[in-house]
C-alpha atoms as a PDB file:
ATOM      1  CA  UNK A   1       6.597   3.603 -19.222  1.00  0.00           C
ATOM      2  CA  UNK A   2       5.184   2.745 -15.756  1.00  0.00           C
ATOM      3  CA  UNK A   3       2.741   5.669 -15.525  1.00  0.00           C
ATOM      4  CA  UNK A   4       0.681   4.318 -12.614  1.00  0.00           C
ATOM      5  CA  UNK A   5       3.731   3.273 -10.583  1.00  0.00           C
ATOM      6  CA  UNK A   6       5.510   6.613 -10.885  1.00  0.00           C
ATOM      7  CA  UNK A   7       2.331   8.674 -10.403  1.00  0.00           C
ATOM      8  CA  UNK A   8       1.279   6.672  -7.333  1.00  0.00           C
ATOM      9  CA  UNK A   9       4.726   6.985  -5.706  1.00  0.00           C
ATOM     10  CA  UNK A  10       4.695  10.739  -6.351  1.00  0.00           C
ATOM     11  CA  UNK A  11       1.197  11.096  -4.859  1.00  0.00           C
ATOM     12  CA  UNK A  12       1.953   9.174  -1.660  1.00  0.00           C
ATOM     13  CA  UNK A  13       5.214  11.079  -1.202  1.00  0.00           C
ATOM     14  CA  UNK A  14       3.464  14.462  -1.552  1.00  0.00           C
ATOM     15  CA  UNK A  15       0.701  13.383   0.864  1.00  0.00           C
ATOM     16  CA  UNK A  16       3.335  12.142   3.326  1.00  0.00           C
ATOM     17  CA  UNK A  17       5.211  15.465   3.251  1.00  0.00           C
ATOM     18  CA  UNK A  18       2.023  17.533   3.564  1.00  0.00           C
ATOM     19  CA  UNK A  19       0.497  15.434   6.353  1.00  0.00           C
ATOM     20  CA  UNK A  20       3.645  14.934   8.402  1.00  0.00           C
ATOM     21  CA  UNK A  21       5.375  18.290   8.020  1.00  0.00           C
ATOM     22  CA  UNK A  22       3.123  21.037   6.687  1.00  0.00           C
ATOM     23  CA  UNK A  23      -0.577  20.795   7.518  1.00  0.00           C
ATOM     24  CA  UNK A  24      -0.781  19.599  11.094  1.00  0.00           C
ATOM     25  CA  UNK A  25      -3.405  21.089  13.430  1.00  0.00           C
ATOM     26  CA  UNK A  26      -1.939  23.727  15.734  1.00  0.00           C
ATOM     27  CA  UNK A  27      -3.386  21.848  18.694  1.00  0.00           C
ATOM     28  CA  UNK A  28      -1.431  18.660  17.814  1.00  0.00           C
ATOM     29  CA  UNK A  29       1.864  18.287  19.606  1.00  0.00           C
ATOM     30  CA  UNK A  30       4.340  16.724  17.185  1.00  0.00           C
ATOM     31  CA  UNK A  31       7.994  16.327  18.072  1.00  0.00           C
ATOM     32  CA  UNK A  32      10.858  16.725  15.609  1.00  0.00           C
ATOM     33  CA  UNK A  33      11.564  12.984  15.951  1.00  0.00           C
ATOM     34  CA  UNK A  34       7.957  12.191  14.999  1.00  0.00           C
ATOM     35  CA  UNK A  35       8.169  14.493  12.008  1.00  0.00           C
ATOM     36  CA  UNK A  36      11.493  13.141  10.766  1.00  0.00           C
ATOM     37  CA  UNK A  37      11.549   9.477  11.678  1.00  0.00           C
ATOM     38  CA  UNK A  38       8.937   7.637  13.734  1.00  0.00           C
ATOM     39  CA  UNK A  39       5.970   9.498  12.269  1.00  0.00           C
ATOM     40  CA  UNK A  40       2.587  10.468  13.663  1.00  0.00           C
ATOM     41  CA  UNK A  41      -1.058  10.280  12.651  1.00  0.00           C
ATOM     42  CA  UNK A  42      -2.088  13.775  13.729  1.00  0.00           C
ATOM     43  CA  UNK A  43      -2.289  15.471  10.324  1.00  0.00           C
ATOM     44  CA  UNK A  44      -5.483  16.660   8.659  1.00  0.00           C
ATOM     45  CA  UNK A  45      -5.105  14.296   5.700  1.00  0.00           C
ATOM     46  CA  UNK A  46      -4.673  11.263   7.950  1.00  0.00           C
ATOM     47  CA  UNK A  47      -7.828  12.160   9.872  1.00  0.00           C
ATOM     48  CA  UNK A  48      -9.777  12.467   6.621  1.00  0.00           C
ATOM     49  CA  UNK A  49      -8.522   9.289   4.920  1.00  0.00           C
ATOM     50  CA  UNK A  50      -7.361   6.595   7.416  1.00  0.00           C
ATOM     51  CA  UNK A  51      -9.162   3.269   7.655  1.00  0.00           C
ATOM     52  CA  UNK A  52     -11.750   3.340  10.415  1.00  0.00           C
ATOM     53  CA  UNK A  53     -14.516   0.805  10.928  1.00  0.00           C
ATOM     54  CA  UNK A  54     -16.697   3.334  12.767  1.00  0.00           C
ATOM     55  CA  UNK A  55     -16.313   6.066  10.154  1.00  0.00           C
ATOM     56  CA  UNK A  56     -16.939   3.659   7.254  1.00  0.00           C
ATOM     57  CA  UNK A  57     -20.160   2.525   8.936  1.00  0.00           C
ATOM     58  CA  UNK A  58     -21.165   6.213   9.066  1.00  0.00           C
ATOM     59  CA  UNK A  59     -20.890   6.375   5.257  1.00  0.00           C
ATOM     60  CA  UNK A  60     -17.248   7.374   4.705  1.00  0.00           C
ATOM     61  CA  UNK A  61     -16.640   4.444   2.322  1.00  0.00           C
ATOM     62  CA  UNK A  62     -13.674   6.110   0.572  1.00  0.00           C
ATOM     63  CA  UNK A  63     -11.602   5.100   3.599  1.00  0.00           C
ATOM     64  CA  UNK A  64     -11.618   1.496   2.330  1.00  0.00           C
ATOM     65  CA  UNK A  65      -9.075   2.578  -0.318  1.00  0.00           C
ATOM     66  CA  UNK A  66      -7.884   6.076   0.673  1.00  0.00           C
ATOM     67  CA  UNK A  67      -5.980   4.695   3.655  1.00  0.00           C
ATOM     68  CA  UNK A  68      -3.485   3.257   1.150  1.00  0.00           C
ATOM     69  CA  UNK A  69      -2.323   6.832   0.444  1.00  0.00           C
ATOM     70  CA  UNK A  70      -1.142   7.404   4.036  1.00  0.00           C
ATOM     71  CA  UNK A  71       2.139   6.563   5.770  1.00  0.00           C
ATOM     72  CA  UNK A  72       3.411   6.873   9.321  1.00  0.00           C
ATOM     73  CA  UNK A  73       7.145   7.439   9.602  1.00  0.00           C
ATOM     74  CA  UNK A  74      10.078   7.685   7.246  1.00  0.00           C
ATOM     75  CA  UNK A  75      10.783   3.944   7.157  1.00  0.00           C
ATOM     76  CA  UNK A  76       7.132   3.253   6.261  1.00  0.00           C
ATOM     77  CA  UNK A  77       7.113   5.595   3.255  1.00  0.00           C
ATOM     78  CA  UNK A  78      10.590   4.571   2.035  1.00  0.00           C
ATOM     79  CA  UNK A  79       9.877   0.837   2.190  1.00  0.00           C
ATOM     80  CA  UNK A  80       6.485   1.188   0.500  1.00  0.00           C
ATOM     81  CA  UNK A  81       7.797   3.436  -2.282  1.00  0.00           C
ATOM     82  CA  UNK A  82      10.673   1.016  -2.893  1.00  0.00           C
ATOM     83  CA  UNK A  83       8.332  -1.997  -3.050  1.00  0.00           C
ATOM     84  CA  UNK A  84       5.852  -0.110  -5.247  1.00  0.00           C
ATOM     85  CA  UNK A  85       8.583   0.856  -7.703  1.00  0.00           C
ATOM     86  CA  UNK A  86       9.807  -2.744  -7.963  1.00  0.00           C
ATOM     87  CA  UNK A  87       6.549  -4.695  -8.121  1.00  0.00           C
ATOM     88  CA  UNK A  88       4.539  -1.918  -9.777  1.00  0.00           C
ATOM     89  CA  UNK A  89       7.023  -1.557 -12.621  1.00  0.00           C
ATOM     90  CA  UNK A  90       7.171  -5.339 -13.052  1.00  0.00           C
ATOM     91  CA  UNK A  91       3.407  -5.842 -13.142  1.00  0.00           C
ATOM     92  CA  UNK A  92       2.849  -2.717 -15.227  1.00  0.00           C
ATOM     93  CA  UNK A  93       5.331  -3.966 -17.852  1.00  0.00           C
ATOM     94  CA  UNK A  94       3.072  -7.007 -18.343  1.00  0.00           C
ATOM     95  CA  UNK A  95      -0.450  -5.676 -17.754  1.00  0.00           C
ATOM     96  CA  UNK A  96      -0.253  -1.971 -18.552  1.00  0.00           C
ATOM     97  CA  UNK A  97      -1.086   1.025 -16.382  1.00  0.00           C
ATOM     98  CA  UNK A  98      -4.878   0.665 -16.165  1.00  0.00           C
ATOM     99  CA  UNK A  99      -4.914  -3.005 -15.150  1.00  0.00           C
ATOM    100  CA  UNK A 100      -2.090  -2.413 -12.666  1.00  0.00           C
ATOM    101  CA  UNK A 101      -4.024   0.468 -11.083  1.00  0.00           C
ATOM    102  CA  UNK A 102      -7.164  -1.687 -10.928  1.00  0.00           C
ATOM    103  CA  UNK A 103      -5.191  -4.515  -9.269  1.00  0.00           C
ATOM    104  CA  UNK A 104      -3.796  -2.115  -6.664  1.00  0.00           C
ATOM    105  CA  UNK A 105      -7.137  -0.439  -5.938  1.00  0.00           C
ATOM    106  CA  UNK A 106      -9.035  -3.744  -5.884  1.00  0.00           C
ATOM    107  CA  UNK A 107      -6.509  -5.282  -3.479  1.00  0.00           C
ATOM    108  CA  UNK A 108      -6.614  -2.271  -1.173  1.00  0.00           C
ATOM    109  CA  UNK A 109     -10.431  -2.384  -1.270  1.00  0.00           C
ATOM    110  CA  UNK A 110     -10.600  -6.106  -0.388  1.00  0.00           C
ATOM    111  CA  UNK A 111      -8.129  -5.575   2.455  1.00  0.00           C
ATOM    112  CA  UNK A 112     -10.063  -2.516   3.635  1.00  0.00           C
ATOM    113  CA  UNK A 113     -13.290  -4.526   3.751  1.00  0.00           C
ATOM    114  CA  UNK A 114     -11.623  -7.333   5.685  1.00  0.00           C
ATOM    115  CA  UNK A 115      -9.798  -5.079   8.120  1.00  0.00           C
ATOM    116  CA  UNK A 116     -12.822  -2.865   8.813  1.00  0.00           C
ATOM    117  CA  UNK A 117     -15.577  -5.459   9.049  1.00  0.00           C
ATOM    118  CA  UNK A 118     -13.884  -8.713  10.055  1.00  0.00           C
ATOM    119  CA  UNK A 119     -10.786  -7.569  11.952  1.00  0.00           C
ATOM    120  CA  UNK A 120     -12.582  -4.430  13.235  1.00  0.00           C
ATOM    121  CA  UNK A 121      -9.516  -2.198  12.837  1.00  0.00           C
ATOM    122  CA  UNK A 122     -10.069   1.259  14.334  1.00  0.00           C
ATOM    123  CA  UNK A 123      -7.266   3.011  12.475  1.00  0.00           C
ATOM    124  CA  UNK A 124      -5.044   1.934   9.610  1.00  0.00           C
ATOM    125  CA  UNK A 125      -2.798   3.422   6.985  1.00  0.00           C
ATOM    126  CA  UNK A 126      -0.359   2.308   4.298  1.00  0.00           C
ATOM    127  CA  UNK A 127       0.033   1.282   0.676  1.00  0.00           C
ATOM    128  CA  UNK A 128       1.126  -2.225   1.599  1.00  0.00           C
ATOM    129  CA  UNK A 129      -2.402  -3.593   1.165  1.00  0.00           C
ATOM    130  CA  UNK A 130      -2.278  -2.734  -2.535  1.00  0.00           C
ATOM    131  CA  UNK A 131       1.412  -3.640  -2.784  1.00  0.00           C
ATOM    132  CA  UNK A 132       0.758  -7.145  -1.460  1.00  0.00           C
ATOM    133  CA  UNK A 133      -2.022  -7.391  -4.032  1.00  0.00           C
ATOM    134  CA  UNK A 134       0.489  -6.517  -6.754  1.00  0.00           C
ATOM    135  CA  UNK A 135       2.858  -9.117  -5.285  1.00  0.00           C
ATOM    136  CA  UNK A 136       0.091 -11.721  -5.691  1.00  0.00           C
ATOM    137  CA  UNK A 137      -0.331 -10.632  -9.325  1.00  0.00           C
ATOM    138  CA  UNK A 138       3.468 -10.822  -9.756  1.00  0.00           C
ATOM    139  CA  UNK A 139       3.384 -14.447  -8.491  1.00  0.00           C
ATOM    140  CA  UNK A 140       0.567 -15.249 -10.938  1.00  0.00           C
ATOM    141  CA  UNK A 141       2.521 -13.673 -13.810  1.00  0.00           C
ATOM    142  CA  UNK A 142       5.659 -15.586 -12.776  1.00  0.00           C
ATOM    143  CA  UNK A 143       3.685 -18.845 -12.910  1.00  0.00           C
ATOM    144  CA  UNK A 144       2.232 -17.868 -16.289  1.00  0.00           C
ATOM    145  CA  UNK A 145       5.700 -16.954 -17.651  1.00  0.00           C
ATOM    146  CA  UNK A 146       7.400 -19.959 -16.026  1.00  0.00           C
ATOM    147  CA  UNK A 147       9.987 -17.788 -14.236  1.00  0.00           C
ATOM    148  CA  UNK A 148      10.288 -14.935 -11.741  1.00  0.00           C
ATOM    149  CA  UNK A 149      12.829 -13.335 -14.087  1.00  0.00           C
ATOM    150  CA  UNK A 150      10.242 -12.141 -16.626  1.00  0.00           C
ATOM    151  CA  UNK A 151      10.574  -8.674 -15.165  1.00  0.00           C
ATOM    152  CA  UNK A 152      12.622  -5.773 -16.560  1.00  0.00           C
ATOM    153  CA  UNK A 153      13.922  -5.015 -13.038  1.00  0.00           C
ATOM    154  CA  UNK A 154      17.339  -6.328 -11.921  1.00  0.00           C
ATOM    155  CA  UNK A 155      17.612  -9.491  -9.813  1.00  0.00           C
ATOM    156  CA  UNK A 156      18.737  -7.506  -6.752  1.00  0.00           C
ATOM    157  CA  UNK A 157      15.425  -5.631  -6.851  1.00  0.00           C
ATOM    158  CA  UNK A 158      13.535  -8.926  -6.778  1.00  0.00           C
ATOM    159  CA  UNK A 159      15.597  -9.956  -3.733  1.00  0.00           C
ATOM    160  CA  UNK A 160      14.666  -6.668  -2.020  1.00  0.00           C
ATOM    161  CA  UNK A 161      11.006  -7.351  -2.877  1.00  0.00           C
ATOM    162  CA  UNK A 162      11.252 -10.854  -1.375  1.00  0.00           C
ATOM    163  CA  UNK A 163      12.718  -9.407   1.845  1.00  0.00           C
ATOM    164  CA  UNK A 164       9.923  -6.798   1.943  1.00  0.00           C
ATOM    165  CA  UNK A 165       7.291  -9.501   1.410  1.00  0.00           C
ATOM    166  CA  UNK A 166       8.550 -11.858   4.110  1.00  0.00           C
ATOM    167  CA  UNK A 167       9.529  -9.099   6.548  1.00  0.00           C
ATOM    168  CA  UNK A 168       6.102  -7.495   6.265  1.00  0.00           C
ATOM    169  CA  UNK A 169       4.525 -10.578   7.776  1.00  0.00           C
ATOM    170  CA  UNK A 170       6.389 -10.004  11.066  1.00  0.00           C
ATOM    171  CA  UNK A 171       5.331  -6.410  11.753  1.00  0.00           C
ATOM    172  CA  UNK A 172       2.491  -7.316  14.113  1.00  0.00           C
ATOM    173  CA  UNK A 173      -0.799  -9.186  13.926  1.00  0.00           C
ATOM    174  CA  UNK A 174      -2.893  -6.384  12.391  1.00  0.00           C
ATOM    175  CA  UNK A 175      -0.244  -5.613   9.768  1.00  0.00           C
ATOM    176  CA  UNK A 176       0.083  -9.301   8.863  1.00  0.00           C
ATOM    177  CA  UNK A 177      -3.679  -9.522   8.312  1.00  0.00           C
ATOM    178  CA  UNK A 178      -3.639  -6.349   6.213  1.00  0.00           C
ATOM    179  CA  UNK A 179      -0.952  -7.941   4.036  1.00  0.00           C
ATOM    180  CA  UNK A 180      -2.689 -11.326   3.811  1.00  0.00           C
ATOM    181  CA  UNK A 181      -6.013  -9.741   2.867  1.00  0.00           C
ATOM    182  CA  UNK A 182      -4.277  -7.484   0.322  1.00  0.00           C
ATOM    183  CA  UNK A 183      -2.585 -10.557  -1.182  1.00  0.00           C
ATOM    184  CA  UNK A 184      -5.978 -12.317  -1.352  1.00  0.00           C
ATOM    185  CA  UNK A 185      -7.403  -9.248  -3.085  1.00  0.00           C
ATOM    186  CA  UNK A 186      -4.533  -9.398  -5.559  1.00  0.00           C
ATOM    187  CA  UNK A 187      -5.280 -13.057  -6.330  1.00  0.00           C
ATOM    188  CA  UNK A 188      -8.903 -12.111  -6.993  1.00  0.00           C
ATOM    189  CA  UNK A 189      -7.927  -9.177  -9.221  1.00  0.00           C
ATOM    190  CA  UNK A 190      -5.321 -11.307 -11.003  1.00  0.00           C
ATOM    191  CA  UNK A 191      -7.880 -13.963 -11.863  1.00  0.00           C
ATOM    192  CA  UNK A 192     -10.135 -11.262 -13.302  1.00  0.00           C
ATOM    193  CA  UNK A 193      -7.516  -9.239 -15.190  1.00  0.00           C
ATOM    194  CA  UNK A 194      -4.760 -11.627 -16.299  1.00  0.00           C
END
């Protein structure tokens, strides 16, 4: 059973609902459209956890990984939960829950370091850094198994994952670098844990 994958998806969904709909500062002006579709970054949880070079330099090092718990907008959370379910379940079926969690966290950490200290990102959110790390591990497992069809997920899910992977590289320069650095983190974690 994919314990990490299901638990992680549940956690990011709960955080998304709380931060986008329920615990927003009274001083923040958030429209219904922002709440339901395009999203906003005005919630208390986002302010406490998003990636921020300046805040990390002040000692808030948890932001290197905690930013992977945050999502801006309905499309962002839906696409990341879908990708997590597909690649997380696939990797977890081969490596187990603990190694899969370590791959995700390690990838998010490597991406966080790169984005904060090399790219100098002032604000970032999203699970895609860890997801791209799991995609790198998936590629390594596919090479090891000699096929991409080693997974218990249906072929259509792998096609959706491929679309997510390629499409995510065209979401803007900062997002592309988050994904590339997450993938690099996944390669590193895969070499250690596979």
